[in-house]
Amino acid sequence: MSVKTVTTANFDTEVLGADKPVLLDFWAAWCGPCKMLSPVVDEIAEEHSEFIIGKVNVDEENELASRFGIMSIPTLLVFKNGELVNRSTGVIPKDAVLGLMK
């Protein structure tokens, strides 16, 4: 499954209305740690069709970053049934990312 680009315009549909757990990666192109975490997130998207994986560029989606109090990146947010259920900031290994989804 591919990674979706999540924006303010499609957030309600892609995240709040999703029928599967959603992992959102808040990132920026200039962020070194984001570049380290991105391949992990991409790999999870390819291997786990039971999740929806989305990425939010904080430079382009300031409103979403503010809405969820994103102060440092990368930050991962997990939503289930439209509710924020987990979050992590910083680079973490793949097994830890998958642990957030449980």
C-alpha atoms as a PDB file:
ATOM      1  CA  MET A   1       0.000   0.000   0.000  1.00  0.00           C
ATOM      2  CA  SER A   2       1.297   3.433  -0.803  1.00  0.00           C
ATOM      3  CA  VAL A   3       1.875   6.321   1.556  1.00  0.00           C
ATOM      4  CA  LYS A   4      -0.782   9.025   1.371  1.00  0.00           C
ATOM      5  CA  THR A   5      -0.048  12.726   1.504  1.00  0.00           C
ATOM      6  CA  VAL A   6      -2.302  14.119   4.213  1.00  0.00           C
ATOM      7  CA  THR A   7      -3.329  17.765   4.128  1.00  0.00           C
ATOM      8  CA  THR A   8      -5.783  19.973   5.971  1.00  0.00           C
ATOM      9  CA  ALA A   9      -8.151  19.504   3.026  1.00  0.00           C
ATOM     10  CA  ASN A  10      -8.214  15.685   3.140  1.00  0.00           C
ATOM     11  CA  PHE A  11      -7.513  15.047   6.852  1.00  0.00           C
ATOM     12  CA  ASP A  12     -11.116  14.354   7.866  1.00  0.00           C
ATOM     13  CA  THR A  13     -11.614  11.843   5.046  1.00  0.00           C
ATOM     14  CA  GLU A  14      -8.209  10.132   5.122  1.00  0.00           C
ATOM     15  CA  VAL A  15      -7.683  10.025   8.895  1.00  0.00           C
ATOM     16  CA  LEU A  16     -10.848  10.643  10.902  1.00  0.00           C
ATOM     17  CA  GLY A  17     -13.034   8.674   8.482  1.00  0.00           C
ATOM     18  CA  ALA A  18     -10.576   5.815   7.951  1.00  0.00           C
ATOM     19  CA  ASP A  19     -11.745   2.236   8.450  1.00  0.00           C
ATOM     20  CA  LYS A  20      -8.235   1.112   9.523  1.00  0.00           C
ATOM     21  CA  PRO A  21      -5.687   2.420  12.037  1.00  0.00           C
ATOM     22  CA  VAL A  22      -3.777   5.403  10.633  1.00  0.00           C
ATOM     23  CA  LEU A  23      -0.104   6.213  11.197  1.00  0.00           C
ATOM     24  CA  LEU A  24       0.740   9.846  10.414  1.00  0.00           C
ATOM     25  CA  ASP A  25       4.349  10.944   9.988  1.00  0.00           C
ATOM     26  CA  PHE A  26       4.847  14.688  10.544  1.00  0.00           C
ATOM     27  CA  TRP A  27       8.069  15.635   8.728  1.00  0.00           C
ATOM     28  CA  ALA A  28       9.961  18.294   6.769  1.00  0.00           C
ATOM     29  CA  ALA A  29      12.350  18.055   3.821  1.00  0.00           C
ATOM     30  CA  TRP A  30      15.164  19.836   5.710  1.00  0.00           C
ATOM     31  CA  CYS A  31      14.947  17.550   8.769  1.00  0.00           C
ATOM     32  CA  GLY A  32      17.793  15.005   9.061  1.00  0.00           C
ATOM     33  CA  PRO A  33      16.029  12.717  11.565  1.00  0.00           C
ATOM     34  CA  CYS A  34      12.920  12.789   9.330  1.00  0.00           C
ATOM     35  CA  LYS A  35      15.040  11.477   6.458  1.00  0.00           C
ATOM     36  CA  MET A  36      16.197   8.640   8.730  1.00  0.00           C
ATOM     37  CA  LEU A  37      12.657   7.675   9.765  1.00  0.00           C
ATOM     38  CA  SER A  38      11.039   8.037   6.346  1.00  0.00           C
ATOM     39  CA  PRO A  39      12.322   4.720   4.881  1.00  0.00           C
ATOM     40  CA  VAL A  40      11.032   2.895   7.959  1.00  0.00           C
ATOM     41  CA  VAL A  41       7.573   4.416   7.494  1.00  0.00           C
ATOM     42  CA  ASP A  42       7.655   3.598   3.765  1.00  0.00           C
ATOM     43  CA  GLU A  43       8.626  -0.012   4.514  1.00  0.00           C
ATOM     44  CA  ILE A  44       5.744  -0.393   6.966  1.00  0.00           C
ATOM     45  CA  ALA A  45       3.365   0.991   4.325  1.00  0.00           C
ATOM     46  CA  GLU A  46       4.542  -1.665   1.851  1.00  0.00           C
ATOM     47  CA  GLU A  47       4.374  -4.545   4.332  1.00  0.00           C
ATOM     48  CA  HIS A  48       1.221  -3.774   6.344  1.00  0.00           C
ATOM     49  CA  SER A  49      -1.981  -3.295   4.378  1.00  0.00           C
ATOM     50  CA  GLU A  50      -3.939  -3.386   7.646  1.00  0.00           C
ATOM     51  CA  PHE A  51      -2.775   0.189   8.329  1.00  0.00           C
ATOM     52  CA  ILE A  52      -3.164   3.449   6.460  1.00  0.00           C
ATOM     53  CA  ILE A  53       0.115   5.367   6.371  1.00  0.00           C
ATOM     54  CA  GLY A  54       0.151   9.094   5.781  1.00  0.00           C
ATOM     55  CA  LYS A  55       2.742  11.837   5.763  1.00  0.00           C
ATOM     56  CA  VAL A  56       2.206  15.466   6.703  1.00  0.00           C
ATOM     57  CA  ASN A  57       4.772  18.034   5.551  1.00  0.00           C
ATOM     58  CA  VAL A  58       4.819  20.512   8.439  1.00  0.00           C
ATOM     59  CA  ASP A  59       6.138  23.311   6.222  1.00  0.00           C
ATOM     60  CA  GLU A  60       3.110  22.985   3.941  1.00  0.00           C
ATOM     61  CA  GLU A  61       0.527  22.015   6.576  1.00  0.00           C
ATOM     62  CA  ASN A  62       1.134  24.410   9.446  1.00  0.00           C
ATOM     63  CA  GLU A  63      -2.496  24.217  10.525  1.00  0.00           C
ATOM     64  CA  LEU A  64      -2.374  20.435  11.076  1.00  0.00           C
ATOM     65  CA  ALA A  65       0.948  20.665  12.899  1.00  0.00           C
ATOM     66  CA  SER A  66      -0.484  23.325  15.209  1.00  0.00           C
ATOM     67  CA  ARG A  67      -3.725  21.405  15.709  1.00  0.00           C
ATOM     68  CA  PHE A  68      -1.791  18.455  17.155  1.00  0.00           C
ATOM     69  CA  GLY A  69       0.860  20.451  19.008  1.00  0.00           C
ATOM     70  CA  ILE A  70       3.739  19.248  16.866  1.00  0.00           C
ATOM     71  CA  MET A  71       6.787  20.959  18.371  1.00  0.00           C
ATOM     72  CA  SER A  72       9.527  18.592  17.171  1.00  0.00           C
ATOM     73  CA  ILE A  73       9.842  16.401  14.121  1.00  0.00           C
ATOM     74  CA  PRO A  74       9.657  13.681  13.146  1.00  0.00           C
ATOM     75  CA  THR A  75       6.500  13.014  15.150  1.00  0.00           C
ATOM     76  CA  LEU A  76       4.305   9.973  14.581  1.00  0.00           C
ATOM     77  CA  LEU A  77       0.618  10.040  15.496  1.00  0.00           C
ATOM     78  CA  VAL A  78      -1.636   6.983  15.545  1.00  0.00           C
ATOM     79  CA  PHE A  79      -5.395   7.287  15.046  1.00  0.00           C
ATOM     80  CA  LYS A  80      -7.972   4.553  15.554  1.00  0.00           C
ATOM     81  CA  ASN A  81     -11.655   5.131  14.860  1.00  0.00           C
ATOM     82  CA  GLY A  82     -10.970   8.829  14.397  1.00  0.00           C
ATOM     83  CA  GLU A  83      -9.297   9.190  17.812  1.00  0.00           C
ATOM     84  CA  LEU A  84      -5.660  10.004  18.531  1.00  0.00           C
ATOM     85  CA  VAL A  85      -4.424   7.011  20.531  1.00  0.00           C
ATOM     86  CA  ASN A  86      -0.625   7.199  20.443  1.00  0.00           C
ATOM     87  CA  ARG A  87       2.282   9.469  19.571  1.00  0.00           C
ATOM     88  CA  SER A  88       6.059   9.365  19.389  1.00  0.00           C
ATOM     89  CA  THR A  89       8.657  12.031  18.670  1.00  0.00           C
ATOM     90  CA  GLY A  90      12.083  11.352  17.225  1.00  0.00           C
ATOM     91  CA  VAL A  91      13.602   8.494  15.283  1.00  0.00           C
ATOM     92  CA  ILE A  92      12.559   5.071  16.545  1.00  0.00           C
ATOM     93  CA  PRO A  93      13.203   1.586  15.142  1.00  0.00           C
ATOM     94  CA  LYS A  94      10.668  -0.244  12.999  1.00  0.00           C
ATOM     95  CA  ASP A  95       9.523  -2.572  15.789  1.00  0.00           C
ATOM     96  CA  ALA A  96       8.825   0.450  18.004  1.00  0.00           C
ATOM     97  CA  VAL A  97       6.764   2.078  15.245  1.00  0.00           C
ATOM     98  CA  LEU A  98       4.748  -1.115  14.868  1.00  0.00           C
ATOM     99  CA  GLY A  99       4.346  -1.195  18.655  1.00  0.00           C
ATOM    100  CA  LEU A 100       2.630   2.207  18.470  1.00  0.00           C
ATOM    101  CA  MET A 101       0.013   0.645  16.201  1.00  0.00           C
ATOM    102  CA  LYS A 102      -1.114  -1.964  18.762  1.00  0.00           C
END
